[in-house]
Amino acid sequence: MTKKYFLLALFCCLSVAVLSTAWSKPLSDAESFSDIAAYISQERNKLNAEGLGPKEYAVALGEILFAAGDRLLEIGQNDMQIRSAYNLKVTALQQQVDVGIEGVDEKLDALLAEWLRSEDPHAQWIAQRHRFTQFSNAANRAEISPESFAKFKADLKDWLNRRETTVSNLVELGLRVAQRNAVPAEQFMAELVEHVQSPQFPATNDTERERMARSLEGILRLAIGSDPKLYGRTLDDEEFVWENLREEGKEKYVLLSFTATWCGPCQMELPGLLDAYKKYADKGLEIISIHVWERGEDPVETVRNYVEEKKIPWIVISEELSKQAGHPAYQESYNLSGVPTVVLVDKEGKVILGGMQARGPQLPAKLEEIFR
């Protein structure tokens, strides 16, 4: 299911889950989120029974969704409901765009532009989100050519300037399009770094420009196809040497896990990592935990006690010891926004899996594929 239809499905499922009778009142009588969901489900079922063509159906459903969005804006009581109302209105138009109804593209663009100028932060957020989705879809569909890629880079820099979405979103898209155009990630990111350090990038001062440049460089280090260049001091207070994991004939796949002892999700995923290490360590898998943002009077001892308690057998790097040895903070070097942050690195030292794909059930599936 595509993201643009998720909200519609959510409303329909909600109506089935919470209501046992059909909605039989006018929309103006709807007083809750579930009332709106029931109304949409009822009207959608009526349309399905009429046997309309794709365009007629999209227009009719669009009118229903748009009106439902207006009503939800009137009665919405929390952030989720208000944003859902705006999403309904976008979905109403996007479905018409998808079936090729003329003039709706311009209508949708005008609506998003209006919301960007709005004083309502919810409207601004939805507009920014959908505008980026449009930009991303167009970039992924664009032809592979120097001219097309040059236009994409110019547009991406404009997005960086406007800051309407996260830097991570922009970099992820940029690296994907660069790869399609056979442009090395390092070359592409170097151009972005040069841009944010230039006068063309709107910033209050040079410090802000340098901070943005470090963020870009940090994102690159954990991006697919990049070399993380991991550094630091182990719990034994020994210097960690990244290149040692790629000695000729002894190359290993490496799972890097930025973690913390106080992190609930990290603890939930630890049994899976212990199981993976038990199954694949002898086949060429190494795991390295990098403990960041530890709390308490003695962060190093906190990690030591945790490692002993959980019987962690792999390499553990301490941010505290690394800082004492003069290494830069991991948050800056890798643009960390939270823990756990996990990536899988191949025998060549390049990231092949990251984000949620390197966590949960996706990780064991990938390791089974590699080591079977």
Protein backbone atom coordinates (compact mmCIF):
# COMPACT_ATOMS: atom_id res chain seq x y z
CA MET A 1 0.00 0.00 0.00
CA THR A 2 1.37 3.42 -0.93
CA LYS A 3 1.68 6.13 1.69
CA LYS A 4 -0.86 8.39 0.01
CA TYR A 5 -3.63 5.80 0.48
CA PHE A 6 -2.67 4.81 4.02
CA LEU A 7 -4.87 7.43 5.65
CA LEU A 8 -7.91 6.39 3.64
CA ALA A 9 -7.37 2.76 4.65
CA LEU A 10 -6.91 3.86 8.26
CA PHE A 11 -10.28 5.59 8.28
CA CYS A 12 -12.03 2.63 6.72
CA CYS A 13 -10.47 0.12 9.13
CA LEU A 14 -11.27 2.32 12.09
CA SER A 15 -14.91 2.49 11.11
CA VAL A 16 -15.13 -1.31 10.93
CA ALA A 17 -13.36 -1.72 14.27
CA VAL A 18 -15.41 0.72 16.34
CA LEU A 19 -18.83 0.80 14.74
CA SER A 20 -21.36 -2.00 14.43
CA THR A 21 -24.01 -0.05 12.52
CA ALA A 22 -23.80 1.99 9.34
CA TRP A 23 -23.58 5.77 9.53
CA SER A 24 -26.88 7.26 8.46
CA LYS A 25 -26.53 10.92 9.43
CA PRO A 26 -25.34 13.91 7.42
CA LEU A 27 -21.66 14.82 7.63
CA SER A 28 -22.52 17.94 9.60
CA ASP A 29 -23.62 15.68 12.48
CA ALA A 30 -20.19 14.03 12.76
CA GLU A 31 -18.67 14.91 16.11
CA SER A 32 -15.65 12.62 16.37
CA PHE A 33 -12.81 11.05 14.42
CA SER A 34 -14.66 7.73 14.32
CA ASP A 35 -17.81 9.46 13.01
CA ILE A 36 -15.76 10.84 10.13
CA ALA A 37 -14.28 7.40 9.46
CA ALA A 38 -17.73 5.82 9.42
CA TYR A 39 -19.02 8.48 7.04
CA ILE A 40 -16.15 7.94 4.61
CA SER A 41 -16.59 4.18 4.71
CA GLN A 42 -20.33 4.44 4.07
CA GLU A 43 -19.99 6.88 1.17
CA ARG A 44 -17.14 4.89 -0.35
CA ASN A 45 -19.27 1.73 -0.27
CA LYS A 46 -22.05 3.59 -2.08
CA LEU A 47 -19.63 4.64 -4.80
CA ASN A 48 -18.32 1.09 -5.17
CA ALA A 49 -21.88 -0.10 -5.79
CA GLU A 50 -22.40 2.42 -8.60
CA GLY A 51 -19.79 0.90 -10.91
CA LEU A 52 -18.21 4.22 -11.87
CA GLY A 53 -15.20 4.54 -14.16
CA PRO A 54 -11.80 5.42 -12.64
CA LYS A 55 -12.04 9.16 -13.30
CA GLU A 56 -15.66 9.49 -12.22
CA TYR A 57 -14.91 7.48 -9.09
CA ALA A 58 -11.86 9.62 -8.23
CA VAL A 59 -13.85 12.84 -8.62
CA ALA A 60 -16.76 11.59 -6.52
CA LEU A 61 -14.54 10.16 -3.79
CA GLY A 62 -12.45 13.32 -3.84
CA GLU A 63 -15.51 15.41 -3.03
CA ILE A 64 -16.31 13.10 -0.11
CA LEU A 65 -12.78 13.21 1.28
CA PHE A 66 -12.45 16.96 0.86
CA ALA A 67 -15.71 17.57 2.70
CA ALA A 68 -14.72 15.10 5.42
CA GLY A 69 -11.41 16.91 5.82
CA ASP A 70 -13.21 20.24 6.25
CA ARG A 71 -15.48 18.74 8.91
CA LEU A 72 -12.58 17.14 10.75
CA LEU A 73 -10.81 20.51 10.82
CA GLU A 74 -13.89 21.92 12.56
CA ILE A 75 -14.13 19.21 15.23
CA GLY A 76 -10.54 17.94 15.52
CA GLN A 77 -9.31 17.84 19.09
CA ASN A 78 -5.63 16.90 18.80
CA ASP A 79 -2.62 17.17 16.50
CA MET A 80 -3.17 13.78 14.89
CA GLN A 81 -6.76 14.59 13.95
CA ILE A 82 -5.91 18.01 12.55
CA ARG A 83 -3.10 16.59 10.42
CA SER A 84 -5.39 13.77 9.31
CA ALA A 85 -7.88 16.39 8.13
CA TYR A 86 -5.28 18.07 5.95
CA ASN A 87 -4.11 14.67 4.71
CA LEU A 88 -7.65 13.79 3.62
CA LYS A 89 -7.79 16.89 1.44
CA VAL A 90 -4.45 16.08 -0.17
CA THR A 91 -5.49 12.46 -0.74
CA ALA A 92 -8.68 13.69 -2.41
CA LEU A 93 -6.67 15.58 -5.01
CA GLN A 94 -3.80 13.09 -5.34
CA GLN A 95 -6.16 10.29 -6.38
CA GLN A 96 -7.45 12.51 -9.18
CA VAL A 97 -3.90 13.28 -10.27
CA ASP A 98 -3.17 9.55 -10.41
CA VAL A 99 -6.00 8.85 -12.85
CA GLY A 100 -4.97 11.72 -15.13
CA ILE A 101 -7.66 14.33 -14.52
CA GLU A 102 -6.45 17.55 -16.13
CA GLY A 103 -5.79 20.62 -14.04
CA VAL A 104 -5.69 18.84 -10.66
CA ASP A 105 -1.88 18.96 -10.49
CA GLU A 106 -2.05 22.75 -10.50
CA LYS A 107 -4.87 22.75 -7.96
CA LEU A 108 -2.87 20.52 -5.61
CA ASP A 109 0.26 22.66 -6.00
CA ALA A 110 -1.75 25.81 -5.27
CA LEU A 111 -3.26 24.23 -2.15
CA LEU A 112 0.13 23.16 -0.80
CA ALA A 113 1.56 26.62 -1.50
CA GLU A 114 -1.35 28.16 0.40
CA TRP A 115 -0.71 25.90 3.37
CA LEU A 116 2.98 26.75 3.35
CA ARG A 117 2.00 30.40 3.82
CA SER A 118 -0.51 29.50 6.53
CA GLU A 119 0.01 30.34 10.18
CA ASP A 120 -1.22 26.87 11.10
CA PRO A 121 1.87 24.70 11.77
CA HIS A 122 -0.10 21.56 10.95
CA ALA A 123 -0.92 22.87 7.49
CA GLN A 124 2.71 23.84 6.97
CA TRP A 125 3.93 20.40 8.08
CA ILE A 126 1.55 18.52 5.77
CA ALA A 127 2.43 20.79 2.85
CA GLN A 128 6.15 20.29 3.38
CA ARG A 129 5.71 16.53 3.68
CA HIS A 130 3.68 16.20 0.49
CA ARG A 131 5.84 18.60 -1.48
CA PHE A 132 8.88 16.50 -0.60
CA THR A 133 7.02 13.33 -1.62
CA GLN A 134 6.28 14.93 -4.98
CA PHE A 135 9.90 16.00 -5.38
CA SER A 136 11.16 12.56 -4.39
CA ASN A 137 8.83 10.72 -6.76
CA ALA A 138 9.77 12.98 -9.66
CA ALA A 139 13.49 12.55 -8.94
CA ASN A 140 13.20 8.78 -8.82
CA ARG A 141 11.32 8.73 -12.15
CA ALA A 142 13.58 11.21 -13.94
CA GLU A 143 15.68 10.12 -16.88
CA ILE A 144 19.32 9.23 -16.29
CA SER A 145 21.32 11.98 -17.95
CA PRO A 146 23.84 14.70 -17.01
CA GLU A 147 21.23 17.40 -17.66
CA SER A 148 18.58 15.73 -15.51
CA PHE A 149 21.04 15.12 -12.68
CA ALA A 150 22.27 18.72 -12.81
CA LYS A 151 18.69 19.97 -12.45
CA PHE A 152 18.10 17.57 -9.57
CA LYS A 153 21.19 18.85 -7.73
CA ALA A 154 20.06 22.44 -8.16
CA ASP A 155 16.60 21.57 -6.82
CA LEU A 156 18.08 19.62 -3.91
CA LYS A 157 20.25 22.59 -2.92
CA ASP A 158 17.14 24.75 -2.99
CA TRP A 159 15.47 22.29 -0.61
CA LEU A 160 18.50 22.52 1.67
CA ASN A 161 18.23 26.29 1.61
CA ARG A 162 14.51 26.25 2.48
CA ARG A 163 14.85 23.55 5.17
CA GLU A 164 11.34 22.23 4.58
CA THR A 165 12.37 18.66 5.41
CA THR A 166 15.15 16.95 7.33
CA VAL A 167 18.70 16.89 6.07
CA SER A 168 18.62 13.10 6.35
CA ASN A 169 15.63 12.91 3.99
CA LEU A 170 17.43 15.04 1.42
CA VAL A 171 20.71 13.16 1.67
CA GLU A 172 19.01 9.76 1.41
CA LEU A 173 17.20 10.88 -1.74
CA GLY A 174 20.32 12.54 -3.13
CA LEU A 175 22.51 9.49 -2.67
CA ARG A 176 19.88 7.28 -4.29
CA VAL A 177 19.63 9.51 -7.35
CA ALA A 178 23.42 9.88 -7.50
CA GLN A 179 23.78 6.11 -7.53
CA ARG A 180 21.28 5.84 -10.40
CA ASN A 181 23.42 8.30 -12.32
CA ALA A 182 26.67 6.45 -11.50
CA VAL A 183 27.98 9.38 -9.44
CA PRO A 184 30.14 8.34 -6.43
CA ALA A 185 28.57 9.16 -3.06
CA GLU A 186 31.71 10.99 -1.90
CA GLN A 187 31.69 13.21 -4.97
CA PHE A 188 28.01 14.03 -4.59
CA MET A 189 28.27 14.79 -0.87
CA ALA A 190 31.39 16.90 -1.34
CA GLU A 191 29.36 19.17 -3.62
CA LEU A 192 26.62 19.50 -1.01
CA VAL A 193 29.16 20.29 1.70
CA GLU A 194 30.70 22.93 -0.55
CA HIS A 195 27.25 24.43 -1.05
CA VAL A 196 26.38 24.74 2.66
CA GLN A 197 29.77 26.34 3.31
CA SER A 198 29.21 28.93 0.58
CA PRO A 199 27.41 32.31 0.75
CA GLN A 200 24.62 30.78 -1.38
CA PHE A 201 23.46 28.80 1.67
CA PRO A 202 21.37 31.04 3.98
CA ALA A 203 22.87 30.87 7.45
CA THR A 204 23.14 33.27 10.35
CA ASN A 205 26.90 32.76 10.68
CA ASP A 206 29.85 30.55 9.71
CA THR A 207 29.31 28.35 12.75
CA GLU A 208 25.89 27.33 11.43
CA ARG A 209 27.41 26.57 8.02
CA GLU A 210 30.08 24.39 9.58
CA ARG A 211 27.51 22.58 11.72
CA MET A 212 25.46 21.78 8.62
CA ALA A 213 28.58 20.60 6.80
CA ARG A 214 29.42 18.25 9.67
CA SER A 215 25.87 16.90 9.59
CA LEU A 216 26.19 16.12 5.89
CA GLU A 217 29.56 14.44 6.38
CA GLY A 218 28.15 12.44 9.31
CA ILE A 219 25.18 11.21 7.30
CA LEU A 220 27.53 10.12 4.52
CA ARG A 221 29.59 7.96 6.89
CA LEU A 222 26.59 5.73 7.61
CA ALA A 223 25.02 5.91 4.13
CA ILE A 224 24.68 2.85 1.91
CA GLY A 225 27.94 2.34 0.01
CA SER A 226 30.04 4.43 2.40
CA ASP A 227 32.93 3.48 4.67
CA PRO A 228 32.01 4.35 8.30
CA LYS A 229 35.68 4.80 9.26
CA LEU A 230 34.89 3.78 12.83
CA TYR A 231 37.29 4.96 15.56
CA GLY A 232 37.49 5.00 19.34
CA ARG A 233 38.71 3.32 22.52
CA THR A 234 37.48 -0.06 23.70
CA LEU A 235 36.40 -0.82 27.27
CA ASP A 236 39.94 -2.13 27.82
CA ASP A 237 41.08 1.41 26.95
CA GLU A 238 42.81 0.21 23.81
CA GLU A 239 42.76 2.02 20.50
CA PHE A 240 40.31 0.47 18.06
CA VAL A 241 41.69 0.03 14.52
CA TRP A 242 38.95 -0.26 11.90
CA GLU A 243 41.26 -1.54 9.19
CA ASN A 244 42.17 -4.62 11.27
CA LEU A 245 38.77 -6.09 10.43
CA ARG A 246 39.78 -6.23 6.78
CA GLU A 247 43.14 -7.96 7.00
CA GLU A 248 43.71 -10.00 3.88
CA GLY A 249 42.08 -13.39 4.25
CA LYS A 250 40.33 -12.37 7.48
CA GLU A 251 37.78 -9.89 6.15
CA LYS A 252 34.53 -9.73 8.12
CA TYR A 253 31.01 -8.47 7.85
CA VAL A 254 30.54 -5.97 10.67
CA LEU A 255 27.38 -4.90 12.46
CA LEU A 256 27.82 -1.48 14.06
CA SER A 257 25.36 -0.69 16.83
CA PHE A 258 25.33 2.77 18.41
CA THR A 259 23.60 2.07 21.70
CA ALA A 260 23.22 3.00 25.39
CA THR A 261 22.58 1.05 28.58
CA TRP A 262 19.50 3.15 29.42
CA CYS A 263 17.90 2.67 25.97
CA GLY A 264 14.80 0.43 26.13
CA PRO A 265 14.68 -0.45 22.39
CA CYS A 266 18.41 -1.26 22.52
CA GLN A 267 17.82 -3.75 25.31
CA MET A 268 14.90 -5.28 23.42
CA GLU A 269 17.09 -5.90 20.39
CA LEU A 270 20.07 -7.25 22.35
CA PRO A 271 18.84 -10.90 22.43
CA GLY A 272 18.64 -10.87 18.64
CA LEU A 273 22.21 -9.58 18.38
CA LEU A 274 23.45 -12.21 20.83
CA ASP A 275 21.74 -14.90 18.77
CA ALA A 276 23.22 -13.56 15.54
CA TYR A 277 26.71 -13.50 17.03
CA LYS A 278 26.34 -17.06 18.29
CA LYS A 279 25.24 -18.29 14.86
CA TYR A 280 27.59 -16.33 12.60
CA ALA A 281 30.70 -15.21 14.50
CA ASP A 282 32.61 -18.27 13.29
CA LYS A 283 31.41 -17.62 9.73
CA GLY A 284 32.75 -14.09 9.49
CA LEU A 285 30.43 -11.75 11.42
CA GLU A 286 31.73 -9.19 13.90
CA ILE A 287 29.53 -6.99 16.06
CA ILE A 288 30.71 -3.73 17.57
CA SER A 289 28.69 -1.81 20.14
CA ILE A 290 29.48 1.88 20.47
CA HIS A 291 28.05 3.15 23.76
CA VAL A 292 27.10 6.81 23.50
CA TRP A 293 25.37 9.34 25.76
CA GLU A 294 25.83 7.20 28.86
CA ARG A 295 24.61 8.68 32.12
CA GLY A 296 25.74 8.61 35.74
CA GLU A 297 28.88 9.58 37.60
CA ASP A 298 31.03 6.89 35.96
CA PRO A 299 29.80 6.16 32.40
CA VAL A 300 32.65 3.73 31.71
CA GLU A 301 31.88 1.60 34.77
CA THR A 302 28.19 1.69 33.87
CA VAL A 303 28.98 0.13 30.50
CA ARG A 304 31.39 -2.41 32.01
CA ASN A 305 28.74 -3.59 34.44
CA TYR A 306 26.18 -3.82 31.64
CA VAL A 307 28.50 -5.83 29.40
CA GLU A 308 29.26 -8.23 32.24
CA GLU A 309 25.61 -8.59 33.22
CA LYS A 310 24.41 -9.22 29.64
CA LYS A 311 27.45 -11.39 28.80
CA ILE A 312 28.22 -9.40 25.65
CA PRO A 313 31.07 -11.17 23.82
CA TRP A 314 31.94 -8.73 21.06
CA ILE A 315 33.94 -5.50 20.79
CA VAL A 316 32.55 -2.64 22.89
CA ILE A 317 33.66 0.96 22.36
CA SER A 318 33.19 3.61 25.04
CA GLU A 319 32.37 7.16 24.00
CA GLU A 320 33.70 8.43 27.32
CA LEU A 321 37.12 6.78 26.88
CA SER A 322 37.17 7.87 23.23
CA LYS A 323 36.59 11.51 24.21
CA GLN A 324 39.29 11.30 26.87
CA ALA A 325 41.68 10.13 24.15
CA GLY A 326 40.85 13.15 22.01
CA HIS A 327 38.45 11.55 19.52
CA PRO A 328 35.56 13.68 18.21
CA ALA A 329 32.02 13.10 19.51
CA TYR A 330 30.13 10.38 17.68
CA GLN A 331 27.00 12.51 17.47
CA GLU A 332 28.79 14.93 15.16
CA SER A 333 30.88 12.38 13.28
CA TYR A 334 27.85 10.23 12.41
CA ASN A 335 24.99 12.75 12.73
CA LEU A 336 23.34 10.55 15.35
CA SER A 337 19.81 11.55 16.24
CA GLY A 338 19.06 8.66 18.58
CA VAL A 339 19.79 5.10 19.63
CA PRO A 340 19.76 2.39 18.54
CA THR A 341 21.38 3.31 15.24
CA VAL A 342 22.52 0.19 13.40
CA VAL A 343 24.31 -0.47 10.10
CA LEU A 344 25.68 -3.61 8.49
CA VAL A 345 29.04 -3.34 6.72
CA ASP A 346 30.34 -5.81 4.12
CA LYS A 347 33.82 -7.31 3.81
CA GLU A 348 34.95 -4.36 1.70
CA GLY A 349 34.11 -1.98 4.54
CA LYS A 350 31.02 -0.49 2.86
CA VAL A 351 27.60 -0.05 4.45
CA ILE A 352 25.07 -2.41 2.83
CA LEU A 353 22.16 -2.09 5.28
CA GLY A 354 20.97 0.69 7.54
CA GLY A 355 17.97 2.25 9.28
CA MET A 356 15.08 -0.04 10.14
CA GLN A 357 16.35 -2.55 7.55
CA ALA A 358 19.24 -3.30 9.92
CA ARG A 359 16.93 -3.90 12.87
CA GLY A 360 14.05 -6.16 13.85
CA PRO A 361 13.19 -9.17 11.65
CA GLN A 362 14.92 -7.70 8.59
CA LEU A 363 18.39 -8.16 10.09
CA PRO A 364 18.29 -11.94 10.70
CA ALA A 365 16.82 -12.41 7.23
CA LYS A 366 19.74 -10.51 5.69
CA LEU A 367 22.33 -12.39 7.76
CA GLU A 368 20.77 -15.70 6.76
CA GLU A 369 21.03 -14.63 3.12
CA ILE A 370 24.71 -13.73 3.56
CA PHE A 371 25.91 -16.74 5.56
CA ARG A 372 23.73 -19.60 4.36
